Amino acid sequence: MTDNQDFLQAVLDLMAIDSVALTDVSEEAPYGRGPARALEQVLDLCRRLGIRTENLGGRTAWAEIGQGEEIVGVLGHLDVVPAGEGWTHNPKGEICGDRLYGRGAVDDKGPTLAALFAMKDLQDAGTPLNRRIRLIFGQCEECGDWDDMACYKRTQQLPVFGFTPDADFPAIYGEKGILEFRITAPRGEIMSLEGGDAGNMVPDWCRCRVRTREGAEKLLETHGRSAHASTPEKGESALDRMMAELEALGVEHPLVGFYQKHLAGDFHGGKLGCPLEDAQSGKLTLNAGTVRTQGEHLVLTLDIRNPVSFRGEDVEGPLGEACRAFGLSWVCTENQDPIYMDKNGAVIQAMTEVYREVTGDASEPAVIGGGTYARAMPGIVAFGPMQPGRECTEHQKDEYILLEDLHQAREIYRKTLEKLANL
C-alpha cells in the first residue's frame, strides 16, 4: 500500500490551493483559477501514482483503473466554500495532534483523495475487477451550478452505480430537496447591508450602515458562528443578530419586519407557514445565508431543504404570501427535487456491510439535508467520510477530520470499490 504520509501530504498540497469556484474565470479556467489549479495538481498526482486520466477541456476530468465494459463511479469535487473569518488553524491545511485541519479536509478534498488512494491500493495489489473504477473530478459543486457534471454526461460513459464521498457513513439513501430564493427590498433608510459568505452557510458576519429616525448615520456589526445550511441549528446567525439590533433601533424597514416575523430564530419554516416534516427525512430546514446591497435594493438569499415527500411549490406558496404582505419581491433561483433510493438495494447494502465490517459500528443508513453529487447522475449515493457521532465542521471555521477517520475512510472505500466492481 502507498505510505500514509504520502497520502496526507497529497491532501495538504491540495488544500493549500484556494479553490473557491467562479472567481477569476477565463477560457482556460472555466470555473476559476483556483479550481483549475486544483484540477491540474490532482491530475499530476494521478499520473505520478500510475493511474490513467483524461482531462475534458478543463471542465471536468477523470482518473480510472481496471478493465470491463461498465463503470463504477466516484464523484468528488475540488472546489470549496470561502474560508471566512475567525480560524485558529490554517485554512490552507495543517495537522495538529490527531486532526487534519483546513478548508476541504472534510468537504471534499480529503475524502476525494481517500478514494483516489483507495484506487491506487487496489491497482497495486492487482485486485481482480470486473468493472472499471472511475473517479470523476468536479469543480463547481459548492456553487450549485454543476455545469461540470453536465459536461461529463454529454460526452462520457455514465457509471452503472457508485458514490460521492461527501456526506456520512454508513450510507445515505436519500437527500432532501434544495430550494434557493432571492428576496428583494428597496434600500430605504438602510444605506448598506452586507453579510454571509455563501447561501449554503450560516452567516457568521454582518455589517450595516443605517440612517436613524433622527437622521444620524449609524454603523453596526454583528458576528456569529458558521455551519452548513442543512444544519442551521448548529450555527449562530450574525444576520439574526443584526435584524434584532435594527428592530431595537426602531428601524421600520420591510425587510427587517419580514425577517423578524417570518425567519428570526426559526430553523424549520413554522413562522413562514411551511412547517413541513415526514417520517423519512424529518423537518424542513431554513437558512438565511447572505444579504447584499445591490444598487437601490437589498437582496436576501434563503436556503431551504424540504423533506423528501414534498416539492418546491409546498414552500413557495407560503413564502410568496409572506413576501407580498411586506411588499417584497422574490424569485426561486434553484429548485432541486429530493432523491430517495431503495435502502435495501444492492448498492446501499454493499456499502453498509463494508462499513460495518471495518468499523464494527451497526448504524443504519440515513437521509440527509445536504445536497451532493448523488443528484448529478443515476445510481449514485453519498457515502462517508463522516462517521456517526463525529462533530460536523464542513462549511465552518476550523473544518477538520480526525486522521484516524480519514485513513479508515480510505480502507472503507478500497473494500467498497472492490465489492461494487464485482457485484
Protein backbone atom coordinates (compact mmCIF):
# COMPACT_ATOMS: atom_id res chain seq x y z
CA MET A 1 0.00 0.00 0.00
CA THR A 2 1.06 3.60 -0.57
CA ASP A 3 2.58 5.14 2.53
CA ASN A 4 0.06 7.05 4.66
CA GLN A 5 2.40 10.03 4.83
CA ASP A 6 2.30 10.38 1.05
CA PHE A 7 -1.48 10.37 1.25
CA LEU A 8 -1.59 13.07 3.92
CA GLN A 9 0.93 15.22 2.08
CA ALA A 10 -1.16 14.98 -1.08
CA VAL A 11 -4.21 16.20 0.86
CA LEU A 12 -2.22 19.07 2.40
CA ASP A 13 -0.89 20.09 -1.01
CA LEU A 14 -4.40 20.14 -2.45
CA MET A 15 -5.84 22.11 0.49
CA ALA A 16 -3.11 24.71 0.04
CA ILE A 17 -4.91 25.79 -3.15
CA ASP A 18 -7.74 28.23 -2.52
CA SER A 19 -10.25 26.73 -4.94
CA VAL A 20 -13.44 28.74 -4.44
CA ALA A 21 -15.41 28.39 -7.67
CA LEU A 22 -16.39 31.16 -10.09
CA THR A 23 -13.62 33.62 -9.21
CA ASP A 24 -11.08 34.69 -11.87
CA VAL A 25 -12.99 32.80 -14.57
CA SER A 26 -11.36 32.58 -18.00
CA GLU A 27 -11.40 30.38 -21.09
CA GLU A 28 -8.54 28.34 -19.62
CA ALA A 29 -10.17 28.26 -16.18
CA PRO A 30 -13.94 27.96 -16.77
CA TYR A 31 -14.74 27.70 -13.06
CA GLY A 32 -11.96 29.95 -11.82
CA ARG A 33 -8.22 29.93 -11.37
CA GLY A 34 -8.31 28.10 -8.02
CA PRO A 35 -10.35 25.09 -9.16
CA ALA A 36 -8.27 24.92 -12.37
CA ARG A 37 -5.07 24.76 -10.32
CA ALA A 38 -6.58 22.10 -8.07
CA LEU A 39 -7.59 20.01 -11.10
CA GLU A 40 -4.14 20.33 -12.64
CA GLN A 41 -2.49 19.29 -9.39
CA VAL A 42 -4.73 16.26 -8.81
CA LEU A 43 -4.22 15.04 -12.39
CA ASP A 44 -0.48 15.35 -11.95
CA LEU A 45 -0.82 13.32 -8.73
CA CYS A 46 -2.77 10.63 -10.61
CA ARG A 47 -0.05 10.36 -13.23
CA ARG A 48 2.60 10.01 -10.54
CA LEU A 49 0.51 7.25 -8.95
CA GLY A 50 0.31 5.44 -12.29
CA ILE A 51 -3.44 5.96 -12.75
CA ARG A 52 -4.72 6.81 -16.23
CA THR A 53 -6.54 10.11 -16.66
CA GLU A 54 -8.43 12.21 -19.16
CA ASN A 55 -8.97 15.98 -18.99
CA LEU A 56 -12.20 17.12 -20.66
CA GLY A 57 -11.22 20.62 -21.66
CA GLY A 58 -10.73 21.85 -18.13
CA ARG A 59 -14.42 21.47 -17.24
CA THR A 60 -14.06 18.08 -15.63
CA ALA A 61 -11.62 15.17 -15.71
CA TRP A 62 -11.40 11.59 -14.57
CA ALA A 63 -8.96 9.01 -13.25
CA GLU A 64 -9.55 5.31 -13.87
CA ILE A 65 -8.30 1.83 -13.01
CA GLY A 66 -9.37 -1.65 -14.03
CA GLN A 67 -10.97 -3.20 -17.09
CA GLY A 68 -14.51 -4.02 -18.17
CA GLU A 69 -17.38 -2.58 -20.13
CA GLU A 70 -19.15 -0.97 -17.17
CA ILE A 71 -18.01 1.74 -14.77
CA VAL A 72 -18.30 2.14 -11.02
CA GLY A 73 -18.26 5.90 -10.48
CA VAL A 74 -16.85 8.02 -7.68
CA LEU A 75 -17.82 11.70 -7.88
CA GLY A 76 -15.62 14.06 -5.89
CA HIS A 77 -15.27 17.83 -6.01
CA LEU A 78 -12.19 20.03 -5.75
CA ASP A 79 -13.90 23.38 -5.10
CA VAL A 80 -14.57 24.69 -1.59
CA VAL A 81 -16.68 27.35 0.09
CA PRO A 82 -14.85 30.52 1.20
CA ALA A 83 -12.80 30.04 4.35
CA GLY A 84 -14.40 33.01 6.09
CA GLU A 85 -13.08 34.62 9.24
CA GLY A 86 -12.06 33.51 12.72
CA TRP A 87 -9.93 30.40 12.08
CA THR A 88 -7.49 29.32 14.79
CA HIS A 89 -5.82 26.82 12.44
CA ASN A 90 -4.52 27.31 8.92
CA PRO A 91 -7.45 27.08 6.47
CA LYS A 92 -4.96 26.04 3.79
CA GLY A 93 -4.09 22.85 5.68
CA GLU A 94 -2.49 21.89 8.97
CA ILE A 95 -2.03 18.70 11.01
CA CYS A 96 -2.42 19.32 14.72
CA GLY A 97 -2.46 16.38 17.09
CA ASP A 98 -4.89 13.76 15.81
CA ARG A 99 -6.66 16.12 13.40
CA LEU A 100 -6.27 17.40 9.87
CA TYR A 101 -7.50 20.99 9.65
CA GLY A 102 -8.25 23.06 6.58
CA ARG A 103 -10.93 24.09 4.13
CA GLY A 104 -11.68 20.90 2.21
CA ALA A 105 -10.42 18.48 4.86
CA VAL A 106 -13.95 17.03 5.04
CA ASP A 107 -15.66 18.75 2.12
CA ASP A 108 -14.35 17.37 -0.17
CA LYS A 109 -10.61 17.25 -0.86
CA GLY A 110 -9.68 14.85 1.93
CA PRO A 111 -12.27 12.18 1.08
CA THR A 112 -11.79 12.60 -2.68
CA LEU A 113 -8.11 11.77 -2.29
CA ALA A 114 -9.01 8.95 0.12
CA ALA A 115 -10.97 7.42 -2.76
CA LEU A 116 -8.09 8.05 -5.18
CA PHE A 117 -5.55 6.36 -2.91
CA ALA A 118 -8.02 3.50 -2.36
CA MET A 119 -7.99 3.02 -6.13
CA LYS A 120 -4.18 3.06 -6.06
CA ASP A 121 -4.24 0.40 -3.33
CA LEU A 122 -6.43 -1.85 -5.49
CA GLN A 123 -4.22 -1.33 -8.52
CA ASP A 124 -1.01 -2.01 -6.60
CA ALA A 125 -2.48 -5.22 -5.16
CA GLY A 126 -3.57 -6.45 -8.60
CA THR A 127 -7.11 -6.93 -7.30
CA PRO A 128 -9.35 -8.53 -9.97
CA LEU A 129 -12.08 -6.09 -11.07
CA ASN A 130 -14.97 -6.88 -13.40
CA ARG A 131 -15.76 -3.21 -13.88
CA ARG A 132 -13.62 -0.13 -14.33
CA ILE A 133 -13.50 2.27 -11.40
CA ARG A 134 -13.58 5.92 -12.45
CA LEU A 135 -13.09 8.91 -10.14
CA ILE A 136 -14.71 11.98 -11.71
CA PHE A 137 -13.40 15.36 -10.53
CA GLY A 138 -15.87 18.24 -10.20
CA GLN A 139 -15.02 21.90 -9.80
CA CYS A 140 -18.27 23.76 -9.10
CA GLU A 141 -20.24 21.62 -6.66
CA GLU A 142 -20.47 24.27 -3.96
CA CYS A 143 -21.95 26.97 -6.19
CA GLY A 144 -24.85 24.72 -7.17
CA ASP A 145 -24.32 25.12 -10.91
CA TRP A 146 -22.92 21.63 -11.65
CA ASP A 147 -22.02 22.52 -15.22
CA ASP A 148 -19.03 20.22 -14.72
CA MET A 149 -21.23 17.15 -14.28
CA ALA A 150 -23.45 18.24 -17.17
CA CYS A 151 -20.34 18.41 -19.36
CA TYR A 152 -19.36 14.90 -18.30
CA LYS A 153 -22.80 13.48 -19.05
CA ARG A 154 -22.85 14.99 -22.53
CA THR A 155 -19.69 13.26 -23.69
CA GLN A 156 -18.77 10.36 -21.40
CA GLN A 157 -19.99 6.92 -20.40
CA LEU A 158 -22.15 7.01 -17.28
CA PRO A 159 -21.43 4.78 -14.27
CA VAL A 160 -23.86 1.95 -13.56
CA PHE A 161 -23.69 2.94 -9.90
CA GLY A 162 -21.27 4.41 -7.39
CA PHE A 163 -20.91 7.05 -4.71
CA THR A 164 -19.79 10.52 -3.81
CA PRO A 165 -17.52 10.71 -0.73
CA ASP A 166 -19.20 13.87 0.52
CA ALA A 167 -21.52 13.10 3.42
CA ASP A 168 -21.78 10.46 6.15
CA PHE A 169 -21.25 6.80 6.85
CA PRO A 170 -22.66 4.18 6.83
CA ALA A 171 -24.51 5.36 3.66
CA ILE A 172 -27.05 7.96 2.53
CA TYR A 173 -30.11 6.68 0.71
CA GLY A 174 -31.99 9.98 0.40
CA GLU A 175 -31.42 13.73 0.23
CA LYS A 176 -33.93 16.48 0.87
CA GLY A 177 -34.94 18.90 -1.85
CA ILE A 178 -32.93 22.11 -2.13
CA LEU A 179 -34.57 25.46 -2.78
CA GLU A 180 -32.91 28.86 -3.01
CA PHE A 181 -34.88 32.09 -3.04
CA ARG A 182 -33.74 35.68 -3.60
CA ILE A 183 -35.88 38.20 -1.75
CA THR A 184 -35.54 41.84 -2.82
CA ALA A 185 -36.47 45.01 -0.95
CA PRO A 186 -35.82 48.73 -1.56
CA ARG A 187 -32.92 50.13 0.47
CA GLY A 188 -34.90 52.87 2.19
CA GLU A 189 -33.15 54.06 5.34
CA ILE A 190 -30.74 51.12 5.23
CA MET A 191 -27.83 52.59 3.29
CA SER A 192 -25.92 49.31 3.04
CA LEU A 193 -26.34 45.80 4.41
CA GLU A 194 -23.80 43.03 3.79
CA GLY A 195 -23.49 39.63 5.45
CA GLY A 196 -22.52 35.99 4.98
CA ASP A 197 -20.10 34.30 2.60
CA ALA A 198 -22.39 31.83 0.80
CA GLY A 199 -26.05 30.92 0.66
CA ASN A 200 -25.36 27.41 1.95
CA MET A 201 -23.61 28.65 5.09
CA VAL A 202 -24.99 30.16 8.30
CA PRO A 203 -23.66 33.76 8.14
CA ASP A 204 -21.01 34.48 10.76
CA TRP A 205 -20.68 38.21 9.99
CA CYS A 206 -22.93 41.10 9.05
CA ARG A 207 -22.35 44.86 8.62
CA CYS A 208 -24.90 47.60 8.22
CA ARG A 209 -24.97 51.35 7.68
CA VAL A 210 -28.36 52.78 8.58
CA ARG A 211 -29.97 56.19 8.98
CA THR A 212 -31.85 56.50 12.26
CA ARG A 213 -35.15 58.32 12.80
CA GLU A 214 -33.17 61.35 13.98
CA GLY A 215 -31.28 61.41 10.68
CA ALA A 216 -27.98 60.21 12.13
CA GLU A 217 -25.90 57.62 10.31
CA LYS A 218 -25.08 54.54 12.40
CA LEU A 219 -22.66 51.70 11.68
CA LEU A 220 -23.48 48.26 13.07
CA GLU A 221 -21.53 44.99 13.02
CA THR A 222 -22.54 41.57 14.31
CA HIS A 223 -20.81 38.21 14.43
CA GLY A 224 -21.94 34.60 14.77
CA ARG A 225 -20.79 31.06 14.13
CA SER A 226 -21.00 29.41 10.73
CA ALA A 227 -22.47 25.99 9.95
CA HIS A 228 -23.79 24.15 6.92
CA ALA A 229 -27.17 25.38 5.73
CA SER A 230 -28.63 21.87 6.07
CA THR A 231 -28.00 22.02 9.85
CA PRO A 232 -28.56 25.70 10.68
CA GLU A 233 -29.24 24.90 14.32
CA LYS A 234 -25.54 24.16 14.73
CA GLY A 235 -24.59 27.74 13.90
CA GLU A 236 -25.31 31.20 15.28
CA SER A 237 -26.58 33.63 12.67
CA ALA A 238 -24.98 37.08 12.56
CA LEU A 239 -27.89 38.11 10.36
CA ASP A 240 -30.39 37.16 13.08
CA ARG A 241 -28.45 39.39 15.47
CA MET A 242 -28.29 42.27 13.00
CA MET A 243 -32.03 42.23 12.34
CA ALA A 244 -32.70 42.20 16.10
CA GLU A 245 -30.43 45.24 16.53
CA LEU A 246 -32.15 47.10 13.70
CA GLU A 247 -35.54 46.35 15.21
CA ALA A 248 -34.33 47.55 18.61
CA LEU A 249 -33.19 50.81 16.98
CA GLY A 250 -36.72 51.34 15.71
CA VAL A 251 -35.85 50.79 12.04
CA GLU A 252 -39.19 50.25 10.29
CA HIS A 253 -37.99 48.61 7.10
CA PRO A 254 -40.00 45.95 5.23
CA LEU A 255 -37.06 43.51 5.09
CA VAL A 256 -36.49 43.87 8.84
CA GLY A 257 -40.20 43.41 9.52
CA PHE A 258 -40.40 40.36 7.24
CA TYR A 259 -37.27 38.82 8.75
CA GLN A 260 -38.37 39.29 12.34
CA LYS A 261 -41.88 37.98 11.74
CA HIS A 262 -41.12 35.01 9.48
CA LEU A 263 -37.46 33.98 9.83
CA ALA A 264 -35.74 35.03 13.05
CA GLY A 265 -34.80 32.12 15.28
CA ASP A 266 -36.80 29.58 13.27
CA PHE A 267 -34.88 26.78 11.51
CA HIS A 268 -37.89 24.77 10.32
CA GLY A 269 -40.28 27.09 8.47
CA GLY A 270 -43.01 27.32 11.10
CA LYS A 271 -43.02 31.13 11.20
CA LEU A 272 -43.02 31.19 7.39
CA GLY A 273 -46.09 28.96 7.21
CA CYS A 274 -44.45 25.81 5.86
CA PRO A 275 -43.51 23.56 8.83
CA LEU A 276 -43.06 20.53 6.59
CA GLU A 277 -41.98 17.18 8.02
CA ASP A 278 -42.05 13.49 7.11
CA ALA A 279 -41.00 10.20 8.66
CA GLN A 280 -38.28 9.52 6.09
CA SER A 281 -36.29 12.75 6.36
CA GLY A 282 -37.55 14.79 9.28
CA LYS A 283 -38.19 18.53 9.27
CA LEU A 284 -37.67 21.21 6.66
CA THR A 285 -34.62 23.38 7.37
CA LEU A 286 -34.30 27.07 6.56
CA ASN A 287 -31.23 29.30 6.45
CA ALA A 288 -30.90 32.98 5.54
CA GLY A 289 -27.40 32.75 4.10
CA THR A 290 -26.39 36.09 2.60
CA VAL A 291 -27.61 39.65 2.28
CA ARG A 292 -26.18 42.18 -0.17
CA THR A 293 -26.73 45.78 -1.23
CA GLN A 294 -27.31 45.92 -4.98
CA GLY A 295 -27.84 49.45 -6.23
CA GLU A 296 -31.03 50.75 -4.64
CA HIS A 297 -32.07 47.33 -3.35
CA LEU A 298 -31.26 44.82 -0.63
CA VAL A 299 -31.15 41.15 -1.65
CA LEU A 300 -31.55 38.33 0.88
CA THR A 301 -30.90 34.68 -0.04
CA LEU A 302 -32.76 31.83 1.61
CA ASP A 303 -31.56 28.22 1.51
CA ILE A 304 -34.41 25.80 2.25
CA ARG A 305 -34.17 21.98 2.40
CA ASN A 306 -37.59 20.37 2.04
CA PRO A 307 -38.37 16.79 3.19
CA VAL A 308 -38.37 14.10 0.52
CA SER A 309 -42.16 13.76 0.29
CA PHE A 310 -42.68 17.46 -0.52
CA ARG A 311 -41.86 19.68 -3.50
CA GLY A 312 -40.90 23.28 -4.13
CA GLU A 313 -44.45 24.55 -4.55
CA ASP A 314 -45.22 23.47 -0.98
CA VAL A 315 -42.72 26.10 0.14
CA GLU A 316 -43.05 28.84 -2.47
CA GLY A 317 -46.78 29.34 -1.85
CA PRO A 318 -46.46 30.34 1.83
CA LEU A 319 -43.21 32.23 1.19
CA GLY A 320 -44.80 34.28 -1.58
CA GLU A 321 -47.77 35.17 0.59
CA ALA A 322 -45.45 36.35 3.38
CA CYS A 323 -43.35 38.43 0.96
CA ARG A 324 -46.41 40.10 -0.59
CA ALA A 325 -47.61 41.22 2.84
CA PHE A 326 -44.41 43.28 3.22
CA GLY A 327 -44.18 44.49 -0.38
CA LEU A 328 -41.14 42.34 -1.14
CA SER A 329 -40.39 40.61 -4.43
CA TRP A 330 -39.00 37.09 -4.64
CA VAL A 331 -37.69 34.62 -7.18
CA CYS A 332 -36.76 30.94 -6.89
CA THR A 333 -33.22 30.62 -8.24
CA GLU A 334 -32.71 26.92 -7.50
CA ASN A 335 -35.11 24.02 -7.18
CA GLN A 336 -33.57 20.56 -6.85
CA ASP A 337 -36.09 17.81 -6.23
CA PRO A 338 -35.37 15.35 -3.42
CA ILE A 339 -33.80 11.99 -4.20
CA TYR A 340 -34.82 8.81 -2.44
CA MET A 341 -33.38 5.37 -3.11
CA ASP A 342 -34.03 1.82 -2.00
CA LYS A 343 -32.46 1.37 1.40
CA ASN A 344 -32.43 -2.40 0.88
CA GLY A 345 -30.96 -2.29 -2.63
CA ALA A 346 -27.66 -3.94 -3.56
CA VAL A 347 -25.55 -0.76 -3.60
CA ILE A 348 -26.64 0.59 -0.20
CA GLN A 349 -26.37 -2.88 1.32
CA ALA A 350 -22.85 -3.40 -0.06
CA MET A 351 -21.70 -0.09 1.39
CA THR A 352 -23.32 -0.72 4.74
CA GLU A 353 -21.80 -4.19 5.01
CA VAL A 354 -18.27 -2.93 4.32
CA TYR A 355 -18.65 -0.04 6.75
CA ARG A 356 -19.80 -2.38 9.50
CA GLU A 357 -17.03 -4.86 8.73
CA VAL A 358 -14.31 -2.20 9.02
CA THR A 359 -15.66 -0.21 11.97
CA GLY A 360 -17.80 -2.66 13.94
CA ASP A 361 -20.50 0.02 14.07
CA ALA A 362 -24.05 -1.13 13.30
CA SER A 363 -25.51 2.30 12.46
CA GLU A 364 -28.27 2.39 9.86
CA PRO A 365 -28.21 4.25 6.51
CA ALA A 366 -29.86 7.67 6.67
CA VAL A 367 -31.44 10.57 4.80
CA ILE A 368 -29.71 13.97 4.92
CA GLY A 369 -30.49 17.60 4.25
CA GLY A 370 -27.26 18.21 2.37
CA GLY A 371 -27.08 18.24 -1.40
CA THR A 372 -24.35 16.16 -3.03
CA TYR A 373 -23.32 14.96 -6.47
CA ALA A 374 -25.59 11.97 -5.81
CA ARG A 375 -28.18 14.15 -7.58
CA ALA A 376 -25.95 14.56 -10.63
CA MET A 377 -26.21 11.04 -12.08
CA PRO A 378 -28.46 8.00 -11.70
CA GLY A 379 -27.29 5.27 -9.33
CA ILE A 380 -25.01 7.49 -7.20
CA VAL A 381 -25.38 7.76 -3.43
CA ALA A 382 -23.46 9.68 -0.80
CA PHE A 383 -21.03 7.62 1.26
CA GLY A 384 -18.79 8.96 4.03
CA PRO A 385 -16.42 10.30 5.19
CA MET A 386 -18.04 11.41 8.46
CA GLN A 387 -18.70 8.70 11.00
CA PRO A 388 -21.79 8.75 13.23
CA GLY A 389 -21.43 10.96 16.27
CA ARG A 390 -18.50 12.99 14.97
CA GLU A 391 -18.57 16.78 15.08
CA CYS A 392 -19.66 18.17 11.71
CA THR A 393 -17.38 21.04 10.69
CA GLU A 394 -17.88 21.36 6.93
CA HIS A 395 -18.55 24.99 5.92
CA GLN A 396 -17.36 26.12 9.35
CA LYS A 397 -14.17 27.74 10.57
CA ASP A 398 -11.55 25.21 11.71
CA GLU A 399 -13.00 22.48 9.48
CA TYR A 400 -11.26 19.22 10.39
CA ILE A 401 -11.33 15.46 10.19
CA LEU A 402 -9.73 13.01 12.58
CA LEU A 403 -6.67 11.42 10.97
CA GLU A 404 -7.89 8.01 12.09
CA ASP A 405 -11.20 8.57 10.31
CA LEU A 406 -9.55 9.75 7.10
CA HIS A 407 -7.30 6.68 6.95
CA GLN A 408 -10.27 4.46 7.78
CA ALA A 409 -12.28 6.09 5.00
CA ARG A 410 -9.55 5.07 2.58
CA GLU A 411 -9.84 1.46 3.75
CA ILE A 412 -13.64 1.52 3.55
CA TYR A 413 -13.52 2.96 0.03
CA ARG A 414 -10.98 0.36 -1.08
CA LYS A 415 -13.12 -2.55 0.09
CA THR A 416 -16.33 -0.99 -1.17
CA LEU A 417 -14.95 -0.28 -4.64
CA GLU A 418 -13.73 -3.85 -4.90
CA LYS A 419 -17.16 -5.11 -3.89
CA LEU A 420 -19.05 -2.82 -6.26
CA ALA A 421 -16.73 -3.61 -9.16
CA ASN A 422 -17.51 -7.28 -8.73
CA LEU A 423 -21.16 -7.01 -7.69
